[in-house]
Protein backbone atom coordinates (compact mmCIF):
# COMPACT_ATOMS: atom_id res chain seq x y z
CA UNK A 1 0.00 0.00 0.00
CA UNK A 2 1.52 3.31 -1.10
CA UNK A 3 1.03 6.11 1.44
CA UNK A 4 3.72 8.62 0.55
CA UNK A 5 1.17 11.29 -0.30
CA UNK A 6 -0.39 11.16 3.16
CA UNK A 7 0.30 14.08 5.46
CA UNK A 8 0.55 13.94 9.23
CA UNK A 9 -0.22 17.36 10.69
CA UNK A 10 0.25 18.93 14.07
CA UNK A 11 -3.14 20.59 13.81
CA UNK A 12 -5.39 22.58 11.51
CA UNK A 13 -3.26 25.17 9.80
CA UNK A 14 -3.61 28.89 10.45
CA UNK A 15 -1.92 31.48 8.26
CA UNK A 16 1.33 30.25 6.76
CA UNK A 17 2.46 28.37 9.83
CA UNK A 18 2.56 24.64 9.08
CA UNK A 19 2.99 21.83 11.57
CA UNK A 20 3.51 18.80 9.37
CA UNK A 21 5.15 15.44 9.34
CA UNK A 22 4.37 14.98 5.72
CA UNK A 23 6.60 14.82 2.70
CA UNK A 24 9.63 16.22 4.54
CA UNK A 25 9.32 13.93 7.60
CA UNK A 26 13.09 13.63 7.91
CA UNK A 27 13.91 17.34 7.70
CA UNK A 28 13.85 19.34 10.91
CA UNK A 29 14.54 23.03 10.34
CA UNK A 30 15.36 23.38 14.04
CA UNK A 31 18.36 21.06 13.71
CA UNK A 32 20.77 23.93 14.06
CA UNK A 33 22.36 26.07 16.76
CA UNK A 34 19.78 27.29 19.24
CA UNK A 35 19.36 30.97 19.70
CA UNK A 36 19.81 32.07 23.27
CA UNK A 37 16.60 33.53 24.60
CA UNK A 38 16.64 36.58 26.81
CA UNK A 39 14.90 36.11 30.13
CA UNK A 40 11.20 36.89 29.72
CA UNK A 41 10.27 40.18 31.33
CA UNK A 42 7.63 38.43 33.42
CA UNK A 43 9.89 35.95 35.23
CA UNK A 44 10.09 38.03 38.41
CA UNK A 45 6.29 38.13 38.70
CA UNK A 46 6.08 34.37 38.25
CA UNK A 47 8.66 33.86 41.00
CA UNK A 48 6.49 35.89 43.35
CA UNK A 49 3.74 33.28 42.91
CA UNK A 50 5.70 30.06 43.50
CA UNK A 51 9.03 31.21 44.93
CA UNK A 52 12.31 31.88 43.17
CA UNK A 53 13.55 28.29 43.53
CA UNK A 54 10.59 26.96 41.55
CA UNK A 55 10.96 28.91 38.30
CA UNK A 56 13.60 27.77 35.81
CA UNK A 57 15.03 29.46 32.75
CA UNK A 58 18.60 28.21 32.40
CA UNK A 59 19.26 26.64 29.02
CA UNK A 60 20.01 23.24 30.57
CA UNK A 61 16.63 23.26 32.30
CA UNK A 62 14.83 24.31 29.14
CA UNK A 63 16.50 21.46 27.24
CA UNK A 64 15.27 19.02 29.89
CA UNK A 65 11.68 20.08 29.25
CA UNK A 66 11.80 20.45 25.45
CA UNK A 67 11.09 16.77 24.80
CA UNK A 68 8.93 13.84 25.78
CA UNK A 69 9.56 10.11 25.30
CA UNK A 70 8.37 10.07 21.70
CA UNK A 71 10.80 8.23 19.42
CA UNK A 72 11.05 11.33 17.22
CA UNK A 73 12.22 13.40 20.19
CA UNK A 74 14.72 10.67 21.06
CA UNK A 75 16.09 10.62 17.52
CA UNK A 76 16.49 14.41 17.53
CA UNK A 77 18.06 14.65 20.99
CA UNK A 78 20.59 11.91 20.30
CA UNK A 79 21.78 13.99 17.33
CA UNK A 80 21.95 17.18 19.41
CA UNK A 81 18.86 18.71 17.81
CA UNK A 82 15.71 20.24 19.23
CA UNK A 83 12.49 18.28 18.62
CA UNK A 84 10.52 21.55 18.37
CA UNK A 85 11.24 24.77 20.32
CA UNK A 86 12.59 25.47 23.78
CA UNK A 87 9.97 26.44 26.38
CA UNK A 88 10.06 30.04 27.56
CA UNK A 89 10.40 28.92 31.20
CA UNK A 90 9.36 26.21 33.65
CA UNK A 91 7.20 26.87 36.72
CA UNK A 92 6.44 24.41 39.53
CA UNK A 93 3.37 25.27 41.62
CA UNK A 94 2.94 23.45 44.94
CA UNK A 95 -0.82 23.76 45.49
CA UNK A 96 -4.10 24.17 43.67
CA UNK A 97 -4.10 27.81 44.71
CA UNK A 98 -0.67 28.43 43.20
CA UNK A 99 -1.72 26.60 40.04
CA UNK A 100 -4.76 28.86 39.71
CA UNK A 101 -2.55 31.92 40.13
CA UNK A 102 -0.13 30.67 37.45
CA UNK A 103 -3.04 30.11 35.05
CA UNK A 104 -4.44 33.59 35.80
CA UNK A 105 -0.95 35.02 35.25
CA UNK A 106 -0.52 33.32 31.86
CA UNK A 107 -4.02 34.29 30.77
CA UNK A 108 -3.53 37.94 31.65
CA UNK A 109 -0.32 38.09 29.60
CA UNK A 110 -1.34 35.82 26.74
CA UNK A 111 1.37 33.25 27.50
CA UNK A 112 0.64 29.75 26.09
CA UNK A 113 1.15 26.90 28.58
CA UNK A 114 1.71 23.14 28.63
CA UNK A 115 1.02 21.11 31.80
CA UNK A 116 3.82 18.61 32.41
CA UNK A 117 3.75 15.47 34.54
CA UNK A 118 6.83 13.35 33.98
CA UNK A 119 7.23 13.65 30.21
CA UNK A 120 6.61 9.96 29.52
CA UNK A 121 4.18 10.53 26.64
CA UNK A 122 5.22 9.19 23.23
CA UNK A 123 3.25 11.37 20.80
CA UNK A 124 4.69 14.86 21.25
CA UNK A 125 1.94 16.03 23.60
CA UNK A 126 4.31 18.15 25.71
CA UNK A 127 6.60 19.35 22.92
CA UNK A 128 6.60 23.18 22.98
CA UNK A 129 5.71 24.49 19.51
CA UNK A 130 5.84 28.19 20.32
CA UNK A 131 8.04 28.61 23.41
CA UNK A 132 5.18 27.76 25.76
CA UNK A 133 5.49 28.07 29.54
CA UNK A 134 5.83 24.58 31.02
CA UNK A 135 3.79 24.04 34.18
CA UNK A 136 5.47 21.14 35.99
CA UNK A 137 3.01 19.56 38.43
CA UNK A 138 5.33 17.21 40.33
CA UNK A 139 5.19 19.31 43.52
CA UNK A 140 1.50 18.37 43.66
CA UNK A 141 2.50 14.93 44.86
CA UNK A 142 0.54 13.74 47.89
CA UNK A 143 -2.51 11.68 48.73
CA UNK A 144 -5.21 14.06 49.92
CA UNK A 145 -7.78 11.60 51.30
CA UNK A 146 -8.28 7.85 51.49
CA UNK A 147 -11.78 6.50 52.23
CA UNK A 148 -11.37 2.74 52.73
CA UNK A 149 -15.11 2.24 53.26
CA UNK A 150 -15.91 3.65 49.82
CA UNK A 151 -12.73 2.34 48.22
CA UNK A 152 -11.89 5.83 46.93
CA UNK A 153 -8.60 7.70 47.11
CA UNK A 154 -8.02 11.35 46.22
CA UNK A 155 -4.52 12.10 45.00
CA UNK A 156 -2.79 15.16 43.58
CA UNK A 157 -2.13 14.94 39.87
CA UNK A 158 1.65 15.22 40.04
CA UNK A 159 2.22 12.16 42.20
CA UNK A 160 4.54 9.56 40.67
CA UNK A 161 2.68 6.41 39.65
CA UNK A 162 4.97 3.93 41.38
CA UNK A 163 4.99 5.97 44.60
CA UNK A 164 1.20 6.16 44.47
CA UNK A 165 0.88 2.39 44.06
CA UNK A 166 3.39 1.79 46.87
CA UNK A 167 1.40 4.03 49.21
CA UNK A 168 -1.77 2.08 48.41
CA UNK A 169 0.00 -1.26 48.83
CA UNK A 170 1.12 -0.22 52.31
CA UNK A 171 -2.56 -0.10 53.24
CA UNK A 172 -3.44 -3.33 51.46
CA UNK A 173 -4.91 -1.72 48.33
CA UNK A 174 -4.02 -1.35 44.68
CA UNK A 175 -4.96 1.15 42.01
CA UNK A 176 -4.87 -1.61 39.38
CA UNK A 177 -3.28 0.74 36.84
CA UNK A 178 0.12 -0.57 35.74
CA UNK A 179 1.41 1.11 32.56
CA UNK A 180 4.91 0.17 31.45
CA UNK A 181 5.78 3.77 32.37
CA UNK A 182 4.62 3.26 35.98
CA UNK A 183 7.92 4.51 37.45
CA UNK A 184 8.23 7.50 35.11
CA UNK A 185 4.66 8.78 34.85
CA UNK A 186 2.19 10.64 37.05
CA UNK A 187 -1.38 9.94 38.03
CA UNK A 188 -2.52 13.12 36.27
CA UNK A 189 -0.68 12.07 33.13
CA UNK A 190 -2.54 8.76 33.13
CA UNK A 191 -5.87 10.59 33.03
CA UNK A 192 -4.77 13.36 30.68
CA UNK A 193 -3.88 10.80 27.98
CA UNK A 194 -6.74 8.38 28.77
CA UNK A 195 -4.18 5.70 29.50
CA UNK A 196 -4.34 1.98 30.14
CA UNK A 197 -2.32 -0.29 32.38
CA UNK A 198 -1.23 -3.87 31.84
CA UNK A 199 -4.11 -5.11 34.05
CA UNK A 200 -6.81 -3.24 32.12
CA UNK A 201 -8.77 -6.37 31.21
CA UNK A 202 -9.62 -6.77 34.90
CA UNK A 203 -9.59 -3.24 36.30
CA UNK A 204 -10.39 -1.19 33.21
CA UNK A 205 -8.63 1.81 31.73
CA UNK A 206 -8.06 5.02 33.66
CA UNK A 207 -11.46 6.44 32.61
CA UNK A 208 -13.08 3.48 34.41
CA UNK A 209 -11.20 4.33 37.60
CA UNK A 210 -11.60 8.11 37.85
CA UNK A 211 -14.69 9.07 39.87
CA UNK A 212 -14.02 12.76 40.45
CA UNK A 213 -11.49 15.51 39.97
CA UNK A 214 -10.38 19.06 40.59
CA UNK A 215 -9.16 20.91 37.51
CA UNK A 216 -8.20 24.47 36.64
CA UNK A 217 -9.94 25.60 33.45
CA UNK A 218 -8.32 27.92 30.90
CA UNK A 219 -10.65 30.73 32.02
CA UNK A 220 -9.17 30.46 35.50
CA UNK A 221 -12.19 28.84 37.13
CA UNK A 222 -11.97 25.73 39.27
CA UNK A 223 -13.95 22.68 38.16
CA UNK A 224 -14.86 20.20 40.90
CA UNK A 225 -16.44 16.86 40.07
CA UNK A 226 -17.38 15.10 43.30
CA UNK A 227 -16.46 11.37 43.52
CA UNK A 228 -20.00 10.04 43.78
CA UNK A 229 -21.19 6.70 42.43
CA UNK A 230 -23.06 6.61 39.10
CA UNK A 231 -25.11 9.73 38.45
CA UNK A 232 -27.50 11.04 35.78
CA UNK A 233 -27.03 14.80 35.81
CA UNK A 234 -26.20 15.50 32.19
CA UNK A 235 -23.08 14.57 30.21
CA UNK A 236 -20.06 13.43 32.17
CA UNK A 237 -17.95 16.48 32.96
CA UNK A 238 -14.98 14.41 34.06
CA UNK A 239 -14.81 12.84 30.62
CA UNK A 240 -14.27 16.27 29.09
CA UNK A 241 -10.93 16.37 30.92
CA UNK A 242 -9.93 12.69 30.76
CA UNK A 243 -8.08 12.34 27.49
CA UNK A 244 -7.99 16.09 26.78
CA UNK A 245 -4.20 16.15 27.27
CA UNK A 246 -4.41 19.54 28.96
CA UNK A 247 -6.25 21.31 26.14
CA UNK A 248 -9.42 21.88 28.19
CA UNK A 249 -7.92 22.25 31.65
CA UNK A 250 -5.13 21.23 34.00
CA UNK A 251 -5.85 18.32 36.32
CA UNK A 252 -4.89 19.13 39.91
CA UNK A 253 -6.52 16.30 41.90
CA UNK A 254 -8.09 12.98 40.97
CA UNK A 255 -10.39 10.72 42.95
CA UNK A 256 -9.99 7.11 41.91
CA UNK A 257 -11.64 3.80 42.66
CA UNK A 258 -9.20 1.37 44.34
CA UNK A 259 -9.33 -2.32 45.24
CA UNK A 260 -7.98 -4.65 47.87
CA UNK A 261 -4.77 -6.29 46.71
CA UNK A 262 -5.44 -9.72 45.24
CA UNK A 263 -4.74 -12.59 47.62
CA UNK A 264 -3.86 -15.02 44.86
CA UNK A 265 -2.25 -14.83 41.40
CA UNK A 266 -2.04 -17.59 38.79
CA UNK A 267 0.18 -17.12 35.75
CA UNK A 268 -0.41 -19.24 32.64
CA UNK A 269 1.67 -19.63 29.48
CA UNK A 270 0.00 -21.08 26.38
CA UNK A 271 1.10 -22.08 22.90
CA UNK A 272 -1.53 -21.75 20.15
CA UNK A 273 -1.46 -23.33 16.68
CA UNK A 274 -2.44 -20.05 14.96
CA UNK A 275 -3.15 -16.42 15.67
CA UNK A 276 -6.81 -16.78 14.68
CA UNK A 277 -7.25 -19.65 17.16
CA UNK A 278 -5.65 -17.54 19.89
CA UNK A 279 -7.78 -14.48 19.17
CA UNK A 280 -10.93 -16.63 19.15
CA UNK A 281 -9.93 -18.13 22.49
CA UNK A 282 -9.36 -14.74 24.12
CA UNK A 283 -12.64 -13.43 22.71
CA UNK A 284 -14.43 -16.41 24.23
CA UNK A 285 -12.70 -15.89 27.58
CA UNK A 286 -13.92 -12.30 27.73
CA UNK A 287 -17.39 -12.95 26.38
CA UNK A 288 -17.95 -15.74 28.89
CA UNK A 289 -17.36 -13.10 31.57
CA UNK A 290 -14.04 -14.27 32.93
CA UNK A 291 -11.78 -11.53 34.28
CA UNK A 292 -8.13 -12.20 33.53
CA UNK A 293 -5.88 -9.64 35.20
CA UNK A 294 -3.29 -9.90 32.43
CA UNK A 295 -3.69 -10.96 28.81
CA UNK A 296 -0.79 -10.81 26.36
CA UNK A 297 -0.96 -12.45 22.96
CA UNK A 298 1.96 -12.14 20.52
CA UNK A 299 1.89 -12.50 16.76
CA UNK A 300 4.28 -14.91 15.05
CA UNK A 301 7.11 -12.35 14.79
CA UNK A 302 7.04 -11.37 18.46
CA UNK A 303 6.35 -14.93 19.63
CA UNK A 304 9.41 -16.20 17.77
CA UNK A 305 11.71 -13.74 19.57
CA UNK A 306 10.44 -14.94 22.96
CA UNK A 307 10.04 -18.71 22.43
CA UNK A 308 12.90 -19.88 20.21
CA UNK A 309 13.63 -23.53 20.98
CA UNK A 310 11.09 -23.77 23.81
CA UNK A 311 8.64 -26.62 24.40
CA UNK A 312 5.53 -26.79 22.24
CA UNK A 313 6.23 -23.63 20.22
CA UNK A 314 7.84 -25.55 17.34
CA UNK A 315 4.37 -26.76 16.34
CA UNK A 316 2.26 -24.17 18.16
CA UNK A 317 4.10 -20.92 17.37
CA UNK A 318 1.80 -18.34 18.97
CA UNK A 319 2.55 -17.28 22.55
CA UNK A 320 -0.06 -16.12 25.05
CA UNK A 321 0.47 -15.13 28.69
CA UNK A 322 -2.47 -14.84 31.09
CA UNK A 323 -2.89 -14.14 34.77
CA UNK A 324 -5.96 -14.67 36.92
CA UNK A 325 -6.00 -13.04 40.34
CA UNK A 326 -8.25 -12.22 43.29
CA UNK A 327 -9.75 -14.31 46.06
CA UNK A 328 -8.04 -17.73 46.04
CA UNK A 329 -11.09 -19.86 45.21
CA UNK A 330 -12.40 -17.45 42.60
CA UNK A 331 -9.02 -16.91 40.93
CA UNK A 332 -8.41 -20.67 40.77
CA UNK A 333 -11.83 -21.28 39.22
CA UNK A 334 -11.32 -18.56 36.61
CA UNK A 335 -7.87 -20.00 35.83
CA UNK A 336 -9.31 -23.47 35.28
CA UNK A 337 -12.16 -22.18 33.12
CA UNK A 338 -9.75 -20.03 31.11
CA UNK A 339 -7.46 -22.99 30.46
CA UNK A 340 -10.45 -25.12 29.36
CA UNK A 341 -11.49 -22.49 26.83
CA UNK A 342 -7.98 -22.11 25.45
CA UNK A 343 -7.49 -25.89 25.15
CA UNK A 344 -10.78 -26.08 23.25
CA UNK A 345 -9.14 -23.71 20.73
CA UNK A 346 -6.05 -25.89 20.33
CA UNK A 347 -3.75 -24.41 22.98
CA UNK A 348 -1.08 -26.35 24.84
CA UNK A 349 0.33 -25.43 28.25
CA UNK A 350 3.93 -24.19 28.28
CA UNK A 351 6.56 -23.44 30.91
CA UNK A 352 5.40 -20.73 33.31
CA UNK A 353 8.95 -19.30 33.28
CA UNK A 354 7.92 -17.06 30.38
CA UNK A 355 5.27 -15.49 32.62
CA UNK A 356 7.76 -15.08 35.47
CA UNK A 357 10.26 -13.43 33.13
CA UNK A 358 7.64 -11.01 31.80
CA UNK A 359 6.54 -10.06 35.33
CA UNK A 360 10.17 -9.33 36.26
CA UNK A 361 10.69 -7.06 33.24
CA UNK A 362 7.20 -5.61 32.82
CA UNK A 363 8.20 -1.99 33.50
CA UNK A 364 11.38 -1.95 31.43
CA UNK A 365 11.51 -0.06 28.14
CA UNK A 366 12.15 -2.47 25.28
CA UNK A 367 13.08 0.24 22.79
CA UNK A 368 15.89 1.91 24.77
CA UNK A 369 18.56 -0.74 24.03
CA UNK A 370 17.71 -0.58 20.31
CA UNK A 371 17.94 3.21 20.26
CA UNK A 372 21.34 2.96 21.93
CA UNK A 373 22.46 0.87 18.94
CA UNK A 374 21.22 3.57 16.51
CA UNK A 375 18.13 1.65 15.44
CA UNK A 376 14.95 3.58 14.76
CA UNK A 377 12.13 2.00 16.78
CA UNK A 378 8.57 3.28 17.08
CA UNK A 379 5.31 1.88 18.43
CA UNK A 380 1.72 2.37 17.29
CA UNK A 381 -1.32 1.18 19.23
CA UNK A 382 -4.83 1.03 17.83
CA UNK A 383 -8.02 -0.72 18.90
CA UNK A 384 -10.58 -2.64 16.87
CA UNK A 385 -13.38 -5.15 17.30
CA UNK A 386 -12.73 -8.89 17.21
CA UNK A 387 -14.35 -9.26 13.80
CA UNK A 388 -11.71 -6.96 12.26
CA UNK A 389 -8.51 -7.88 14.09
CA UNK A 390 -7.17 -10.80 12.05
CA UNK A 391 -7.66 -9.13 8.67
CA UNK A 392 -6.49 -5.74 9.96
CA UNK A 393 -3.27 -7.19 11.38
CA UNK A 394 -2.49 -9.00 8.14
CA UNK A 395 -3.15 -5.90 6.05
CA UNK A 396 -0.94 -3.73 8.25
CA UNK A 397 1.93 -6.21 8.22
CA UNK A 398 1.76 -6.53 4.44
CA UNK A 399 1.61 -2.76 3.96
CA UNK A 400 4.64 -2.11 6.16
CA UNK A 401 6.65 -4.85 4.47
CA UNK A 402 5.76 -3.40 1.06
CA UNK A 403 7.26 -0.07 2.14
CA UNK A 404 10.59 -1.74 2.88
CA UNK A 405 11.63 -5.33 3.69
CA UNK A 406 14.16 -3.81 6.11
CA UNK A 407 11.38 -2.78 8.49
CA UNK A 408 10.60 -5.33 11.20
CA UNK A 409 6.91 -5.34 12.07
CA UNK A 410 5.50 -7.17 15.07
CA UNK A 411 2.37 -6.90 17.18
CA UNK A 412 0.82 -8.02 20.41
CA UNK A 413 -2.61 -7.70 22.01
CA UNK A 414 -2.43 -6.73 25.67
CA UNK A 415 -5.78 -5.08 26.49
CA UNK A 416 -8.79 -7.25 25.67
CA UNK A 417 -12.49 -6.64 26.18
CA UNK A 418 -15.73 -8.43 25.30
CA UNK A 419 -16.04 -6.51 22.02
CA UNK A 420 -12.42 -6.17 20.88
CA UNK A 421 -8.79 -5.57 21.75
CA UNK A 422 -5.88 -3.18 21.51
CA UNK A 423 -3.29 -4.07 18.88
CA UNK A 424 0.13 -2.73 19.86
CA UNK A 425 2.70 -2.71 17.06
CA UNK A 426 6.45 -2.23 17.00
CA UNK A 427 8.23 -0.91 13.92
CA UNK A 428 12.01 -1.28 13.91
CA UNK A 429 14.32 0.16 11.26
CA UNK A 430 18.02 -0.81 11.27
CA UNK A 431 20.78 1.82 11.39
CA UNK A 432 20.79 3.93 8.23
CA UNK A 433 20.85 7.63 7.29
CA UNK A 434 18.31 9.44 9.45
CA UNK A 435 16.37 11.04 6.60
CA UNK A 436 15.85 7.61 5.03
CA UNK A 437 14.83 5.96 8.31
CA UNK A 438 12.36 8.68 9.31
CA UNK A 439 10.79 8.59 5.86
CA UNK A 440 10.18 4.85 6.26
CA UNK A 441 8.68 5.34 9.73
CA UNK A 442 6.45 8.14 8.47
CA UNK A 443 5.14 5.96 5.65
CA UNK A 444 4.55 3.06 8.04
CA UNK A 445 2.56 5.31 10.39
CA UNK A 446 0.41 6.51 7.52
CA UNK A 447 -0.27 2.98 6.30
CA UNK A 448 -1.14 1.61 9.75
CA UNK A 449 -3.49 4.42 10.78
CA UNK A 450 -5.30 4.48 7.45
CA UNK A 451 -5.79 0.71 7.45
CA UNK A 452 -7.09 0.94 11.03
CA UNK A 453 -9.75 3.42 9.95
CA UNK A 454 -10.64 1.30 6.93
CA UNK A 455 -11.35 -1.62 9.26
CA UNK A 456 -13.51 0.45 11.61
CA UNK A 457 -10.93 0.69 14.37
CA UNK A 458 -9.92 3.67 16.50
CA UNK A 459 -6.53 5.28 15.87
CA UNK A 460 -5.46 5.19 19.54
CA UNK A 461 -6.17 3.00 22.54
CA UNK A 462 -4.10 4.51 25.34
CA UNK A 463 -1.20 6.67 24.09
CA UNK A 464 -3.58 9.48 23.12
CA UNK A 465 -3.24 11.97 20.27
CA UNK A 466 -0.54 14.47 21.17
CA UNK A 467 0.95 15.95 18.04
CA UNK A 468 1.55 13.00 15.78
CA UNK A 469 -2.03 11.77 15.37
CA UNK A 470 -3.47 15.15 14.40
CA UNK A 471 -3.83 14.20 10.74
CA UNK A 472 -6.35 11.44 11.44
CA UNK A 473 -8.54 13.20 13.99
CA UNK A 474 -10.98 14.43 11.35
CA UNK A 475 -11.45 10.90 10.01
CA UNK A 476 -11.71 9.54 13.56
CA UNK A 477 -14.17 12.05 15.02
CA UNK A 478 -15.94 13.68 12.07
CA UNK A 479 -18.27 16.39 13.37
CA UNK A 480 -17.01 15.56 16.85
CA UNK A 481 -13.76 17.39 16.08
CA UNK A 482 -15.77 20.55 15.33
CA UNK A 483 -17.56 20.11 18.65
CA UNK A 484 -14.24 19.86 20.47
CA UNK A 485 -12.97 22.98 18.70
CA UNK A 486 -16.10 24.91 19.69
CA UNK A 487 -15.67 23.84 23.31
CA UNK A 488 -12.02 24.82 23.14
CA UNK A 489 -12.91 28.25 21.76
CA UNK A 490 -15.38 28.87 24.58
CA UNK A 491 -13.08 27.65 27.35
CA UNK A 492 -9.86 29.04 25.92
CA UNK A 493 -10.54 31.89 23.45
CA UNK A 494 -6.85 32.82 23.45
CA UNK A 495 -5.86 29.23 22.58
CA UNK A 496 -3.28 29.28 25.37
CA UNK A 497 -3.66 25.72 26.71
CA UNK A 498 -1.59 23.20 24.74
CA UNK A 499 -2.11 24.79 21.31
CA UNK A 500 -1.71 22.59 18.24
CA UNK A 501 -2.40 19.26 19.94
CA UNK A 502 -5.40 16.88 19.93
CA UNK A 503 -6.20 17.87 16.32
CA UNK A 504 -7.12 21.39 17.45
CA UNK A 505 -5.92 24.78 16.22
CA UNK A 506 -2.22 25.59 16.33
CA UNK A 507 -0.51 28.39 18.27
CA UNK A 508 -1.43 31.99 17.58
CA UNK A 509 0.57 33.61 14.83
CA UNK A 510 2.39 35.96 17.18
CA UNK A 511 3.65 33.01 19.22
CA UNK A 512 5.00 30.93 16.34
CA UNK A 513 8.49 32.32 15.94
CA UNK A 514 10.74 29.38 15.06
CA UNK A 515 7.86 26.91 15.56
CA UNK A 516 7.50 25.34 12.12
CA UNK A 517 8.28 21.67 12.61
CA UNK A 518 8.62 19.06 9.89
CA UNK A 519 9.45 15.59 11.05
C-alpha cells in the first residue's frame, strides 16, 4: 500500500504556519544552533507566585523540558537537535491555589502553557511548539484523602505512579493501573492521555477508575467533580478532561476507585497453533465473563523472539500469557475455566517461566537498548473489534513490508475486552541515514493508521493523540472534532492551553516564531 502522499499534521493550519510530518518527515529546520533567549520580562512576577527556587530558565533546564519520550524526540536529541522549540520557562506550583494563580498570570499576559507530569508521553503532547510556559506539576504529589469504606482515594495529579501504588499497597490496596511507564509517569498524566495499564482487562482503563477531579480551566475557574457513584445529571464532565491532554484544563486532583490487593495470582503460558485460534480463544474468555488480570498475545514475529527452541512452540508458534487473580477460590476457578477455553481452541500449556520473566521485566523499556544501537524504533497502538482484528493485522503487516523489507513489524494484544482488543505494534528500522529511516517510519505510520480506519478501528487506545495523530482526527471524530474545537474556543478563546495538539488549532501567529516543525 503506497502512502507517501499522506500528510501527518500537528493541527489545523492557520496562516502560513505549518505543523507537518508529511513529505519532509526527515527534515527538521530546528536542527541547528539554538538561539539564546533573553529572560522573559515576566519571570520576576512568576517567582512571586511560586518562589524563586521553583521557576527555571537556564538553558540546561529548558532542554530538559523540550522533549517527551516520543521516538522522534529521542532521535532528535541523540543527534543534538531540538524536537521543536525550547519552552520560555518552567514553573512548579505546589498547590491548587498556586496553580490557579499561574493560570491567571498566563491568561492575563497571553502566555501559552503546557502542563507537564513526567514527560513519559510518546506522541509529542508536551513538545513546545511556540516557546510555551511549562507548568510542571510534580510538587502536587501527595494523597489528599483515602476512604477505605468507599474504596476511593483522592490524589494530587503530580504524584509519581509507582509511589502512588506503593502508598496504596502499604494499606493493602491497589490502584490496578500498571502502565509500562509506571515509574516515570504521574497519576494526572494517566488521566490526561486516557491511559491503560497492563491489568486493564480486569480493572479497566483510567477512565473506568476516575470518579471525580479538581481541575483548573483555561478561564481560571476551578472545576470540581465530586467522587459520587453513578449519576444522571447531564453529560459526564470528568470525561471532558480525561483524554484532553491539557487542552481543556489542567488536572490538579483525581479521585480514583481502588481495590484490595489480590490474595492469589495464577500465571499461565500457552502455545496456540495459529493467531486466529488464539484471538478466538481470548474473545471467548472475555465474552464468557471471565476476568483475567493480564492478557498478552503475541503474533508470530514477536512470539518467535520470545520462544525460540522452547517446548511446544515448534508446532504451536503463537505465545499467550495470562494471569488470573483475586480471592483464592475465585481466581483458581477462573484460571481453570480459562485454560479449558484455550485448550478447546487448540492451545497447549507451556513453561510458566515465560510469565515469570515477563513479570520481572514488565516496567522496562524495550526500545531503549535498540535506540542505543542507533536503530529507529517506534510503536503504534490502535483498537478494533474482534471481527476486524485478524484481517487488519495481516493488512498492516503486508503494507509495512511493502514499504521496505528492512522494516521489522511485530504486534501483540495486551488489552482485551468483550467486544475487541488493543493491537500494539512495534516498527524497527536498522541503522541507516536518518532522513531515510524517518521517511520509512512516516510511511509506516500513515499505512497503519489508514488501514485501522478502513477496518472500523480507532486510531489510539491509550497513548492518546498528542501531536503525531493530528492528521487522522478528522477521520476519527468527524463532526465531533468541530464540537471539540467549539468547546475549546469557549473555554480558551486565546488558545493558550496546549495549542496545536489533539487535532485542534495551532498556536497563535504571534507566538509561532521558530515553531515550524517538519518531522
